[in-house]
Amino acid sequence: MKLPDRLQFIANAHAKQKRTGASLAGKVCVITGTTSGVGYAAAKYFSKDTAKIVMVCRNREKGERVKSELHSLSGIEPDMILADFHSLEEVRRAAGEILAICPRIDILINNAGVFSTRLLLNEEGIDTMLAVNHLASFLMTRLLIPRMAESAPARIIQVNSEGHRFSKFIYDDLQWKHHRYSGYRSYGSSKTAQLLTVWKFDQLLSGTGITITAMHPGAVKSNIGRSSGLLYSLFSKAFITPFLKDPIISAQALHYLAAAPELETVSGYYFNLTTEELPANHASLGSSLIEETWKISSSLVGLPEDLADYDV
């Protein structure tokens, strides 16, 4: 029996996943959050396919180890950009460094993310989960689009989450002064905002040769909850982590979305790994909310609402 659309994500989690024999050899792939979890697995998988990896990570020591490992896998020297995505200024600086070393960008995978059970504000006074999970990827994408347009065809993949089902985008209370804070609501809000802007990006990128998709990477092991304190860490290790899968499944799905020829013109879709899926409350996420989310996001990162070749 087929599940209702709103519950289809349960079956999709167990669906047979698609693969592609297409190669990313010679493609320049920018991947954020490459020292653990999904980003690390994807960087290794793409390196084995002899893609040129541009790592974006926050820890130099971990980054150097991963960089050496990727080089040994492919013989191709990765580039490493250091940035803490809690800070939008660091995201802006990282984008400038990427543009300085990359004459072309074929693939952008915005993977860096965070989960916290506590309300944490960054230096700009923004909820950390909104900053890292949405605004950082939004800003990075906006700043790299002109170079990707020059490199077209090119693909942008936003690593989203079924966590968008936890909450609507709480755009009218970004510091949680009037709503009861919950880590799951904040996480869901940030991922819903990211998803709403994917649809706006899709509209604006029409005709550029750039596609953008969002994907849920599966229930896999990662360090996304490292900011949640000792109690959550102990709970996670005992009751959550044992049931999570190896992030190799995420890497394989990302490779399919990045390389499959049949997806070259597919844009604006949400995938559960490689299965196309209807997001939560899709019918209620209307154009007015998409426009409002785009407007708020642009304002928060200090960019105009139109796409342009910005001076980074």
Protein backbone atom coordinates (compact mmCIF):
# COMPACT_ATOMS: atom_id res chain seq x y z
CA MET A 1 0.00 0.00 0.00
CA LYS A 2 1.34 3.42 -0.98
CA LEU A 3 1.68 5.82 1.92
CA PRO A 4 0.11 9.31 1.80
CA ASP A 5 2.46 11.91 0.28
CA ARG A 6 3.19 13.46 3.69
CA LEU A 7 4.40 10.09 5.01
CA GLN A 8 6.18 8.85 1.90
CA PHE A 9 9.54 9.87 3.39
CA ILE A 10 9.29 6.82 5.68
CA ALA A 11 9.25 4.43 2.73
CA ASN A 12 11.81 6.48 0.81
CA ALA A 13 14.33 5.94 3.58
CA HIS A 14 14.38 2.26 2.62
CA ALA A 15 14.13 2.67 -1.16
CA LYS A 16 16.73 1.26 -3.52
CA GLN A 17 19.17 4.06 -4.31
CA LYS A 18 20.25 5.16 -7.76
CA ARG A 19 23.87 5.13 -8.89
CA THR A 20 25.65 6.47 -11.94
CA GLY A 21 28.71 5.39 -13.87
CA ALA A 22 29.29 8.97 -14.98
CA SER A 23 32.58 10.43 -13.80
CA LEU A 24 33.47 13.67 -12.05
CA ALA A 25 37.06 13.44 -13.29
CA GLY A 26 38.52 16.92 -13.64
CA LYS A 27 35.47 18.61 -12.12
CA VAL A 28 36.10 21.27 -9.46
CA CYS A 29 33.95 20.42 -6.45
CA VAL A 30 33.62 22.79 -3.49
CA ILE A 31 32.43 20.89 -0.40
CA THR A 32 31.81 22.50 2.97
CA GLY A 33 32.16 20.64 6.26
CA THR A 34 34.71 18.13 4.97
CA THR A 35 36.39 16.89 8.16
CA SER A 36 33.61 14.62 9.42
CA GLY A 37 30.33 12.93 8.58
CA VAL A 38 28.68 13.47 5.22
CA GLY A 39 31.18 16.04 3.93
CA TYR A 40 34.16 13.84 4.75
CA ALA A 41 32.59 10.78 3.13
CA ALA A 42 31.65 12.79 0.03
CA ALA A 43 35.14 14.30 -0.30
CA LYS A 44 36.68 10.82 -0.21
CA TYR A 45 34.16 9.36 -2.65
CA PHE A 46 34.59 12.24 -5.09
CA SER A 47 38.38 12.06 -4.78
CA LYS A 48 38.31 8.40 -5.79
CA ASP A 49 36.46 9.62 -8.89
CA THR A 50 39.44 12.00 -9.47
CA ALA A 51 37.49 15.19 -8.90
CA LYS A 52 39.39 18.28 -7.79
CA ILE A 53 38.23 18.94 -4.22
CA VAL A 54 38.11 22.34 -2.58
CA MET A 55 37.65 21.65 1.13
CA VAL A 56 35.98 24.21 3.38
CA CYS A 57 36.43 23.38 7.06
CA ARG A 58 36.93 25.06 10.43
CA ASN A 59 39.76 23.03 12.02
CA ARG A 60 43.23 23.27 10.48
CA GLU A 61 44.65 20.14 12.11
CA LYS A 62 41.73 17.94 11.05
CA GLY A 63 41.70 19.59 7.65
CA GLU A 64 45.36 18.84 7.00
CA ARG A 65 44.80 15.17 7.82
CA VAL A 66 41.83 14.95 5.46
CA LYS A 67 43.70 16.87 2.78
CA SER A 68 46.57 14.38 2.92
CA GLU A 69 44.15 11.46 2.77
CA LEU A 70 42.34 12.86 -0.27
CA HIS A 71 45.64 13.44 -2.05
CA SER A 72 46.63 9.82 -1.46
CA LEU A 73 43.32 8.62 -2.91
CA SER A 74 43.44 10.56 -6.16
CA GLY A 75 46.94 11.96 -6.64
CA ILE A 76 45.26 15.35 -6.99
CA GLU A 77 46.17 18.00 -4.41
CA PRO A 78 43.00 19.35 -2.76
CA ASP A 79 42.71 22.99 -1.77
CA MET A 80 41.74 23.82 1.80
CA ILE A 81 39.88 26.92 2.96
CA LEU A 82 39.50 27.53 6.70
CA ALA A 83 36.31 29.18 7.93
CA ASP A 84 33.99 29.02 10.92
CA PHE A 85 30.46 29.21 9.52
CA HIS A 86 29.10 30.59 12.78
CA SER A 87 30.39 33.92 11.40
CA LEU A 88 28.97 35.33 8.18
CA GLU A 89 32.11 37.43 7.76
CA GLU A 90 34.15 34.24 7.70
CA VAL A 91 31.81 32.80 5.07
CA ARG A 92 32.33 35.92 2.96
CA ARG A 93 36.11 35.68 3.36
CA ALA A 94 36.06 31.98 2.47
CA ALA A 95 34.07 32.68 -0.69
CA GLY A 96 36.62 35.31 -1.69
CA GLU A 97 39.45 32.83 -1.20
CA ILE A 98 37.63 30.22 -3.27
CA LEU A 99 37.12 32.68 -6.10
CA ALA A 100 40.80 33.64 -5.94
CA ILE A 101 42.00 30.06 -6.49
CA CYS A 102 39.21 28.59 -8.64
CA PRO A 103 38.92 29.83 -12.22
CA ARG A 104 35.98 27.46 -12.54
CA ILE A 105 33.53 25.77 -10.14
CA ASP A 106 31.51 22.83 -11.43
CA ILE A 107 29.90 21.52 -8.23
CA LEU A 108 29.03 23.26 -4.96
CA ILE A 109 27.90 21.07 -2.06
CA ASN A 110 26.75 23.08 0.95
CA ASN A 111 26.99 20.47 3.67
CA ALA A 112 28.24 22.19 6.85
CA GLY A 113 25.62 22.08 9.61
CA VAL A 114 25.08 22.18 13.34
CA PHE A 115 22.49 21.06 15.88
CA SER A 116 22.19 22.45 19.40
CA THR A 117 19.74 21.81 22.19
CA ARG A 118 20.65 25.23 23.64
CA LEU A 119 19.93 28.64 22.15
CA LEU A 120 23.26 30.05 21.00
CA LEU A 121 23.65 33.39 19.22
CA ASN A 122 26.59 34.15 16.96
CA GLU A 123 28.57 37.39 16.94
CA GLU A 124 25.94 38.99 14.71
CA GLY A 125 23.22 38.13 17.23
CA ILE A 126 21.68 35.44 15.02
CA ASP A 127 20.58 31.99 16.18
CA THR A 128 23.59 29.79 15.46
CA MET A 129 21.55 27.10 13.74
CA LEU A 130 19.98 29.60 11.37
CA ALA A 131 23.42 31.10 10.70
CA VAL A 132 25.24 27.83 10.03
CA ASN A 133 22.50 25.69 8.50
CA HIS A 134 20.92 28.29 6.27
CA LEU A 135 22.55 31.71 6.04
CA ALA A 136 26.08 30.39 5.53
CA SER A 137 25.03 28.20 2.62
CA PHE A 138 22.80 30.98 1.27
CA LEU A 139 25.64 33.51 1.33
CA MET A 140 28.22 31.07 -0.07
CA THR A 141 25.89 30.18 -2.91
CA ARG A 142 25.08 33.79 -3.73
CA LEU A 143 28.76 34.73 -3.86
CA LEU A 144 29.88 31.77 -5.99
CA ILE A 145 27.03 31.83 -8.52
CA PRO A 146 28.72 34.26 -10.97
CA ARG A 147 31.78 31.97 -11.24
CA MET A 148 29.55 28.92 -11.59
CA ALA A 149 27.62 30.63 -14.38
CA GLU A 150 30.92 31.09 -16.20
CA SER A 151 31.60 27.36 -15.67
CA ALA A 152 28.14 26.12 -16.68
CA PRO A 153 26.77 23.53 -16.78
CA ALA A 154 27.17 23.51 -12.99
CA ARG A 155 25.26 22.05 -10.06
CA ILE A 156 24.51 23.26 -6.53
CA ILE A 157 23.40 20.72 -3.91
CA GLN A 158 22.09 21.90 -0.55
CA VAL A 159 22.36 19.16 2.07
CA ASN A 160 19.03 19.71 3.75
CA SER A 161 17.22 17.37 6.14
CA GLU A 162 13.96 15.65 6.94
CA GLY A 163 14.34 17.91 9.99
CA HIS A 164 12.52 20.56 7.93
CA ARG A 165 9.42 18.65 9.04
CA PHE A 166 10.01 19.76 12.66
CA SER A 167 9.01 23.39 12.16
CA LYS A 168 7.97 26.14 9.81
CA PHE A 169 10.45 28.98 9.22
CA ILE A 170 10.04 31.25 12.27
CA TYR A 171 11.04 34.39 10.40
CA ASP A 172 9.36 36.84 12.79
CA ASP A 173 11.38 35.84 15.87
CA LEU A 174 14.95 35.10 14.79
CA GLN A 175 16.33 35.36 18.35
CA TRP A 176 13.53 33.29 19.93
CA LYS A 177 12.36 36.07 22.25
CA HIS A 178 8.66 35.35 21.75
CA HIS A 179 8.65 31.61 21.04
CA ARG A 180 9.66 28.80 23.36
CA TYR A 181 13.02 27.61 22.11
CA SER A 182 13.51 24.01 21.09
CA GLY A 183 16.57 22.64 19.38
CA TYR A 184 14.40 20.62 17.03
CA ARG A 185 12.17 23.61 16.19
CA SER A 186 15.20 25.80 15.56
CA TYR A 187 16.82 23.14 13.40
CA GLY A 188 13.59 22.60 11.48
CA SER A 189 13.17 26.34 11.02
CA SER A 190 16.68 26.70 9.60
CA LYS A 191 16.23 23.80 7.19
CA THR A 192 12.82 25.06 6.07
CA ALA A 193 14.37 28.46 5.32
CA GLN A 194 17.09 26.78 3.28
CA LEU A 195 14.52 24.79 1.34
CA LEU A 196 12.39 27.86 0.60
CA THR A 197 15.40 29.68 -0.85
CA VAL A 198 16.29 26.65 -3.00
CA TRP A 199 13.02 27.22 -4.84
CA LYS A 200 13.78 30.92 -5.27
CA PHE A 201 17.30 30.13 -6.48
CA ASP A 202 15.76 27.75 -9.00
CA GLN A 203 13.57 30.55 -10.38
CA LEU A 204 16.42 33.04 -10.61
CA LEU A 205 18.92 30.60 -12.13
CA SER A 206 16.65 29.60 -14.99
CA GLY A 207 18.59 29.82 -18.25
CA THR A 208 22.03 30.13 -16.60
CA GLY A 209 23.04 26.48 -16.93
CA ILE A 210 23.18 26.15 -13.13
CA THR A 211 20.86 23.73 -11.36
CA ILE A 212 20.11 23.60 -7.64
CA THR A 213 18.63 20.75 -5.64
CA ALA A 214 18.16 19.90 -1.97
CA MET A 215 18.69 16.48 -0.46
CA HIS A 216 18.23 14.61 2.81
CA PRO A 217 21.48 12.68 3.39
CA GLY A 218 19.87 9.80 5.26
CA ALA A 219 20.06 8.88 8.93
CA VAL A 220 23.85 8.70 9.13
CA LYS A 221 26.59 9.21 11.70
CA SER A 222 28.01 12.73 11.99
CA ASN A 223 29.22 15.31 14.49
CA ILE A 224 26.31 17.67 13.90
CA GLY A 225 25.26 17.73 17.58
CA ARG A 226 28.68 18.62 18.99
CA SER A 227 27.36 21.98 20.33
CA SER A 228 24.65 20.42 22.47
CA GLY A 229 26.56 19.70 25.67
CA LEU A 230 27.45 16.60 27.66
CA LEU A 231 23.92 15.36 28.42
CA TYR A 232 22.84 15.32 24.77
CA SER A 233 26.18 13.79 23.78
CA LEU A 234 25.72 10.90 26.21
CA PHE A 235 22.10 10.40 25.15
CA SER A 236 23.07 10.46 21.48
CA LYS A 237 25.86 7.91 21.90
CA ALA A 238 23.60 5.55 23.82
CA PHE A 239 20.29 5.82 21.99
CA ILE A 240 20.79 7.47 18.58
CA THR A 241 24.23 6.72 17.12
CA PRO A 242 23.90 2.90 17.29
CA PHE A 243 20.98 3.08 14.85
CA LEU A 244 22.62 5.42 12.33
CA LYS A 245 24.14 4.28 9.05
CA ASP A 246 27.56 4.83 7.54
CA PRO A 247 27.71 8.21 5.73
CA ILE A 248 28.99 6.41 2.63
CA ILE A 249 25.33 6.17 1.58
CA SER A 250 25.18 9.98 1.63
CA ALA A 251 28.38 10.23 -0.41
CA GLN A 252 27.04 7.85 -3.04
CA ALA A 253 23.78 9.80 -3.24
CA LEU A 254 25.62 13.10 -3.58
CA HIS A 255 27.76 11.61 -6.35
CA TYR A 256 24.62 10.59 -8.22
CA LEU A 257 23.08 14.05 -7.83
CA ALA A 258 26.33 15.71 -8.90
CA ALA A 259 27.26 13.48 -11.83
CA ALA A 260 24.25 11.70 -13.32
CA PRO A 261 23.68 12.91 -16.92
CA GLU A 262 19.91 12.50 -16.53
CA LEU A 263 19.95 15.20 -13.83
CA GLU A 264 21.84 17.81 -15.85
CA THR A 265 18.76 20.01 -16.22
CA VAL A 266 16.86 18.87 -13.10
CA SER A 267 16.50 21.76 -10.68
CA GLY A 268 14.36 22.87 -7.75
CA TYR A 269 13.71 19.34 -6.50
CA TYR A 270 14.03 17.79 -3.05
CA PHE A 271 15.56 14.31 -2.78
CA ASN A 272 15.59 11.80 0.05
CA LEU A 273 19.04 10.48 -0.84
CA THR A 274 18.36 9.81 -4.55
CA THR A 275 14.57 9.50 -4.38
CA GLU A 276 12.56 12.54 -5.42
CA GLU A 277 10.26 13.50 -2.55
CA LEU A 278 7.54 16.00 -1.73
CA PRO A 279 8.68 18.15 1.21
CA ALA A 280 6.51 18.66 4.27
CA ASN A 281 3.57 21.08 3.91
CA HIS A 282 4.57 21.68 0.32
CA ALA A 283 1.17 23.05 -0.62
CA SER A 284 1.26 25.65 2.17
CA LEU A 285 4.76 26.89 1.35
CA GLY A 286 3.45 29.43 -1.11
CA SER A 287 5.17 32.07 -3.20
CA SER A 288 4.65 34.82 -0.62
CA LEU A 289 6.60 32.88 2.04
CA ILE A 290 9.32 32.04 -0.49
CA GLU A 291 9.66 35.74 -1.33
CA GLU A 292 9.65 36.76 2.35
CA THR A 293 12.32 34.20 3.21
CA TRP A 294 14.48 35.36 0.32
CA LYS A 295 14.09 38.99 1.37
CA ILE A 296 14.95 38.28 5.03
CA SER A 297 17.88 36.04 4.13
CA SER A 298 19.32 38.62 1.74
CA SER A 299 19.04 41.34 4.37
CA LEU A 300 20.70 39.21 7.06
CA VAL A 301 23.71 38.43 4.86
CA GLY A 302 23.95 42.02 3.58
CA LEU A 303 23.17 41.43 -0.08
CA PRO A 304 20.55 42.95 -2.41
CA GLU A 305 17.67 40.74 -3.39
CA ASP A 306 18.70 40.47 -7.04
CA LEU A 307 21.48 38.14 -8.18
CA ALA A 308 24.57 39.97 -9.37
CA ASP A 309 28.33 39.67 -9.68
CA TYR A 310 29.20 40.98 -6.23
CA ASP A 311 32.52 42.41 -5.17
CA VAL A 312 33.53 39.81 -2.56
